[in-house]
N, C-alpha and C. Protein backbone atom coordinates (compact mmCIF):
# COMPACT_ATOMS: atom_id res chain seq x y z
N MET A 1 -4.77 -1.07 4.54
CA MET A 1 -5.40 -2.31 4.90
C MET A 1 -6.77 -2.35 4.23
N PHE A 2 -7.09 -3.50 3.68
CA PHE A 2 -8.37 -3.72 3.03
C PHE A 2 -9.04 -4.92 3.70
N ILE A 3 -10.31 -4.79 4.02
CA ILE A 3 -11.08 -5.86 4.66
C ILE A 3 -12.22 -6.27 3.74
N ASP A 4 -12.34 -7.57 3.50
CA ASP A 4 -13.46 -8.09 2.72
C ASP A 4 -14.69 -8.14 3.62
N ASP A 5 -15.76 -7.44 3.24
CA ASP A 5 -16.96 -7.37 4.06
C ASP A 5 -17.62 -8.72 4.29
N GLU A 6 -17.53 -9.61 3.31
CA GLU A 6 -18.21 -10.91 3.43
C GLU A 6 -17.42 -11.89 4.30
N SER A 7 -16.13 -12.03 4.02
CA SER A 7 -15.33 -13.02 4.74
C SER A 7 -14.58 -12.43 5.93
N LEU A 8 -14.49 -11.10 5.99
CA LEU A 8 -13.69 -10.38 6.98
C LEU A 8 -12.20 -10.67 6.84
N ALA A 9 -11.80 -11.21 5.68
CA ALA A 9 -10.38 -11.44 5.41
C ALA A 9 -9.67 -10.10 5.24
N CYS A 10 -8.42 -10.07 5.66
CA CYS A 10 -7.63 -8.84 5.65
C CYS A 10 -6.51 -8.93 4.61
N PHE A 11 -6.31 -7.86 3.85
CA PHE A 11 -5.23 -7.74 2.88
C PHE A 11 -4.48 -6.46 3.23
N GLN A 12 -3.22 -6.60 3.64
CA GLN A 12 -2.43 -5.43 4.03
C GLN A 12 -1.24 -5.27 3.11
N ILE A 13 -0.95 -4.03 2.78
CA ILE A 13 0.28 -3.67 2.07
C ILE A 13 1.11 -2.89 3.08
N GLN A 14 2.34 -3.34 3.31
CA GLN A 14 3.18 -2.71 4.33
C GLN A 14 4.56 -2.40 3.79
N ARG A 15 5.22 -1.47 4.46
CA ARG A 15 6.63 -1.17 4.21
C ARG A 15 7.36 -1.23 5.54
N ASP A 16 8.63 -1.62 5.47
CA ASP A 16 9.48 -1.63 6.65
C ASP A 16 9.74 -0.19 7.09
N LEU A 17 10.11 0.00 8.31
CA LEU A 17 10.44 1.33 8.80
C LEU A 17 11.67 1.87 8.09
N THR A 18 11.76 3.18 7.97
CA THR A 18 12.92 3.82 7.36
C THR A 18 14.17 3.34 8.07
N GLY A 19 15.17 2.94 7.29
CA GLY A 19 16.41 2.45 7.86
C GLY A 19 16.40 0.96 8.14
N GLY A 20 15.24 0.32 7.99
CA GLY A 20 15.15 -1.12 8.20
C GLY A 20 15.82 -1.87 7.05
N PRO A 21 16.05 -3.17 7.22
CA PRO A 21 16.77 -3.94 6.21
C PRO A 21 16.04 -4.04 4.86
N ARG A 22 14.73 -3.87 4.85
CA ARG A 22 13.97 -3.97 3.60
C ARG A 22 13.11 -2.72 3.39
N ALA A 23 13.62 -1.59 3.80
CA ALA A 23 12.87 -0.33 3.75
C ALA A 23 12.49 0.08 2.33
N ASP A 24 13.21 -0.43 1.34
CA ASP A 24 12.91 -0.06 -0.05
C ASP A 24 11.96 -1.05 -0.71
N GLU A 25 11.39 -1.97 0.06
CA GLU A 25 10.47 -2.97 -0.49
C GLU A 25 9.13 -2.90 0.24
N TYR A 26 8.08 -3.37 -0.45
CA TYR A 26 6.77 -3.50 0.20
C TYR A 26 6.50 -4.99 0.36
N CYS A 27 5.56 -5.30 1.22
CA CYS A 27 5.12 -6.69 1.36
C CYS A 27 3.61 -6.70 1.49
N VAL A 28 3.02 -7.87 1.27
CA VAL A 28 1.60 -8.08 1.52
C VAL A 28 1.47 -9.14 2.60
N THR A 29 0.41 -9.04 3.37
CA THR A 29 0.18 -9.97 4.47
C THR A 29 -1.30 -9.98 4.82
N THR A 30 -1.72 -11.01 5.52
CA THR A 30 -3.09 -11.06 6.03
C THR A 30 -3.20 -10.33 7.37
N GLY A 31 -2.08 -9.88 7.87
CA GLY A 31 -2.03 -9.29 9.20
C GLY A 31 -1.56 -10.31 10.21
N ALA A 32 -1.86 -11.58 9.96
CA ALA A 32 -1.43 -12.66 10.84
C ALA A 32 -0.40 -13.56 10.15
N SER A 33 -0.25 -13.42 8.84
CA SER A 33 0.66 -14.28 8.08
C SER A 33 2.05 -13.66 7.99
N ALA A 34 3.00 -14.47 7.59
CA ALA A 34 4.33 -13.95 7.29
C ALA A 34 4.22 -13.04 6.07
N PRO A 35 5.06 -12.01 5.99
CA PRO A 35 4.99 -11.11 4.85
C PRO A 35 5.49 -11.77 3.57
N ILE A 36 4.88 -11.39 2.46
CA ILE A 36 5.35 -11.82 1.14
C ILE A 36 5.82 -10.57 0.42
N TYR A 37 7.13 -10.45 0.25
CA TYR A 37 7.70 -9.27 -0.40
C TYR A 37 7.46 -9.34 -1.90
N GLY A 38 7.07 -8.19 -2.47
CA GLY A 38 6.83 -8.12 -3.91
C GLY A 38 5.65 -8.95 -4.37
N GLY A 39 4.63 -9.10 -3.55
CA GLY A 39 3.51 -10.00 -3.85
C GLY A 39 2.50 -9.50 -4.88
N ILE A 40 2.66 -8.26 -5.35
CA ILE A 40 1.71 -7.70 -6.31
C ILE A 40 2.39 -7.55 -7.67
N VAL A 41 1.81 -8.16 -8.70
CA VAL A 41 2.33 -8.05 -10.06
C VAL A 41 1.96 -6.70 -10.65
N GLU A 42 0.69 -6.33 -10.50
CA GLU A 42 0.22 -5.02 -10.94
C GLU A 42 -1.06 -4.68 -10.21
N TRP A 43 -1.42 -3.41 -10.25
CA TRP A 43 -2.66 -2.98 -9.63
C TRP A 43 -3.26 -1.88 -10.47
N ARG A 44 -4.57 -1.67 -10.26
CA ARG A 44 -5.24 -0.60 -11.00
C ARG A 44 -6.45 -0.14 -10.21
N ARG A 45 -6.83 1.09 -10.53
CA ARG A 45 -8.06 1.64 -9.97
C ARG A 45 -9.11 1.62 -11.05
N VAL A 46 -10.28 1.12 -10.72
CA VAL A 46 -11.43 1.11 -11.62
C VAL A 46 -12.57 1.79 -10.86
N GLU A 47 -12.75 3.07 -11.14
CA GLU A 47 -13.75 3.90 -10.45
C GLU A 47 -13.54 3.84 -8.94
N ASP A 48 -14.44 3.20 -8.19
CA ASP A 48 -14.30 3.16 -6.74
C ASP A 48 -13.75 1.82 -6.24
N ARG A 49 -13.04 1.10 -7.12
CA ARG A 49 -12.46 -0.20 -6.76
C ARG A 49 -10.96 -0.17 -7.01
N LEU A 50 -10.24 -0.92 -6.19
CA LEU A 50 -8.82 -1.18 -6.44
C LEU A 50 -8.68 -2.67 -6.68
N GLU A 51 -7.95 -3.02 -7.74
CA GLU A 51 -7.73 -4.43 -8.08
C GLU A 51 -6.24 -4.72 -8.05
N PHE A 52 -5.88 -5.85 -7.47
CA PHE A 52 -4.50 -6.26 -7.31
C PHE A 52 -4.29 -7.63 -7.95
N ALA A 53 -3.41 -7.71 -8.94
CA ALA A 53 -3.01 -9.00 -9.51
C ALA A 53 -1.81 -9.48 -8.69
N LEU A 54 -1.90 -10.69 -8.17
CA LEU A 54 -0.91 -11.19 -7.22
C LEU A 54 0.06 -12.18 -7.86
N THR A 55 1.24 -12.30 -7.25
CA THR A 55 2.19 -13.32 -7.66
C THR A 55 1.62 -14.69 -7.29
N ARG A 56 2.23 -15.73 -7.80
CA ARG A 56 1.76 -17.09 -7.50
C ARG A 56 1.78 -17.36 -5.99
N ARG A 57 2.86 -16.96 -5.34
CA ARG A 57 2.97 -17.21 -3.89
C ARG A 57 1.90 -16.45 -3.11
N ALA A 58 1.69 -15.18 -3.44
CA ALA A 58 0.65 -14.39 -2.77
C ALA A 58 -0.74 -14.94 -3.09
N SER A 59 -0.93 -15.43 -4.31
CA SER A 59 -2.22 -16.02 -4.69
C SER A 59 -2.56 -17.22 -3.82
N ARG A 60 -1.56 -18.02 -3.50
CA ARG A 60 -1.80 -19.17 -2.62
C ARG A 60 -2.23 -18.71 -1.23
N LEU A 61 -1.62 -17.65 -0.73
CA LEU A 61 -1.97 -17.15 0.59
C LEU A 61 -3.39 -16.58 0.63
N PHE A 62 -3.75 -15.80 -0.40
CA PHE A 62 -5.04 -15.11 -0.39
C PHE A 62 -6.15 -15.87 -1.12
N GLY A 63 -5.80 -17.00 -1.77
CA GLY A 63 -6.83 -17.85 -2.37
C GLY A 63 -7.35 -17.39 -3.71
N ASP A 64 -6.68 -16.43 -4.35
CA ASP A 64 -7.12 -15.95 -5.67
C ASP A 64 -5.97 -15.21 -6.34
N GLU A 65 -5.99 -15.17 -7.67
CA GLU A 65 -4.94 -14.47 -8.41
C GLU A 65 -5.17 -12.97 -8.46
N VAL A 66 -6.42 -12.55 -8.32
CA VAL A 66 -6.77 -11.12 -8.36
C VAL A 66 -7.69 -10.81 -7.19
N LEU A 67 -7.34 -9.78 -6.44
CA LEU A 67 -8.20 -9.31 -5.35
C LEU A 67 -8.76 -7.96 -5.76
N SER A 68 -10.03 -7.74 -5.48
CA SER A 68 -10.71 -6.51 -5.85
C SER A 68 -11.47 -5.98 -4.64
N PHE A 69 -11.29 -4.70 -4.35
CA PHE A 69 -11.92 -4.09 -3.19
C PHE A 69 -12.66 -2.83 -3.58
N GLU A 70 -13.92 -2.73 -3.18
CA GLU A 70 -14.66 -1.48 -3.32
C GLU A 70 -14.22 -0.58 -2.17
N ILE A 71 -13.80 0.62 -2.51
CA ILE A 71 -13.25 1.53 -1.51
C ILE A 71 -14.36 2.34 -0.86
N SER A 72 -14.35 2.36 0.46
CA SER A 72 -15.28 3.17 1.25
C SER A 72 -14.45 4.08 2.15
N PRO A 73 -14.10 5.27 1.67
CA PRO A 73 -13.25 6.16 2.47
C PRO A 73 -13.91 6.54 3.79
N VAL A 74 -13.08 6.78 4.79
CA VAL A 74 -13.57 7.24 6.09
C VAL A 74 -12.98 8.61 6.39
N ASP A 75 -13.60 9.30 7.31
CA ASP A 75 -13.18 10.63 7.72
C ASP A 75 -13.09 11.54 6.49
N GLU A 76 -11.97 12.24 6.32
CA GLU A 76 -11.83 13.18 5.21
C GLU A 76 -11.08 12.59 4.02
N ALA A 77 -10.69 11.32 4.10
CA ALA A 77 -9.97 10.69 3.00
C ALA A 77 -10.89 10.54 1.79
N THR A 78 -10.28 10.56 0.60
CA THR A 78 -11.02 10.33 -0.64
C THR A 78 -10.46 9.09 -1.32
N ILE A 79 -11.16 8.62 -2.32
CA ILE A 79 -10.66 7.48 -3.10
C ILE A 79 -9.35 7.87 -3.77
N ASP A 80 -9.24 9.11 -4.25
CA ASP A 80 -7.98 9.58 -4.84
C ASP A 80 -6.84 9.51 -3.82
N ASP A 81 -7.10 9.92 -2.58
CA ASP A 81 -6.07 9.86 -1.53
C ASP A 81 -5.61 8.43 -1.29
N ILE A 82 -6.56 7.51 -1.22
CA ILE A 82 -6.23 6.11 -0.96
C ILE A 82 -5.43 5.52 -2.12
N ALA A 83 -5.85 5.79 -3.35
CA ALA A 83 -5.12 5.29 -4.52
C ALA A 83 -3.71 5.86 -4.57
N ALA A 84 -3.55 7.14 -4.24
CA ALA A 84 -2.22 7.75 -4.22
C ALA A 84 -1.34 7.11 -3.15
N HIS A 85 -1.91 6.78 -2.01
CA HIS A 85 -1.15 6.14 -0.94
C HIS A 85 -0.71 4.73 -1.37
N VAL A 86 -1.59 3.98 -1.99
CA VAL A 86 -1.22 2.65 -2.50
C VAL A 86 -0.08 2.79 -3.51
N ASP A 87 -0.18 3.76 -4.40
CA ASP A 87 0.88 3.99 -5.39
C ASP A 87 2.21 4.26 -4.70
N ARG A 88 2.22 5.09 -3.66
CA ARG A 88 3.46 5.38 -2.93
C ARG A 88 4.01 4.12 -2.25
N LEU A 89 3.14 3.32 -1.66
CA LEU A 89 3.59 2.09 -1.00
C LEU A 89 4.25 1.12 -1.97
N LEU A 90 3.74 1.07 -3.19
CA LEU A 90 4.23 0.07 -4.15
C LEU A 90 5.41 0.55 -4.98
N ARG A 91 5.83 1.77 -4.81
CA ARG A 91 7.00 2.27 -5.56
C ARG A 91 8.28 1.89 -4.90
């Protein structure tokens, strides 16, 4: 989950539970919106930022074609850990 500090908007990447009907797919959501499956065209890490290029449908939901988040790890997590987790979610 990524939260924009200025708008407090939420961007979530989720997967269905193992054995669920769409367990092999990821979706994006605001947390309150319906899920959009396959909503990310591509993503990349740029130093301490993650950038997500969105599909047209996801762009309409989030109000932009590209979302960029500066990562602020908590507890013992690192930026590398977070990027690796995003990579696993999107595979």
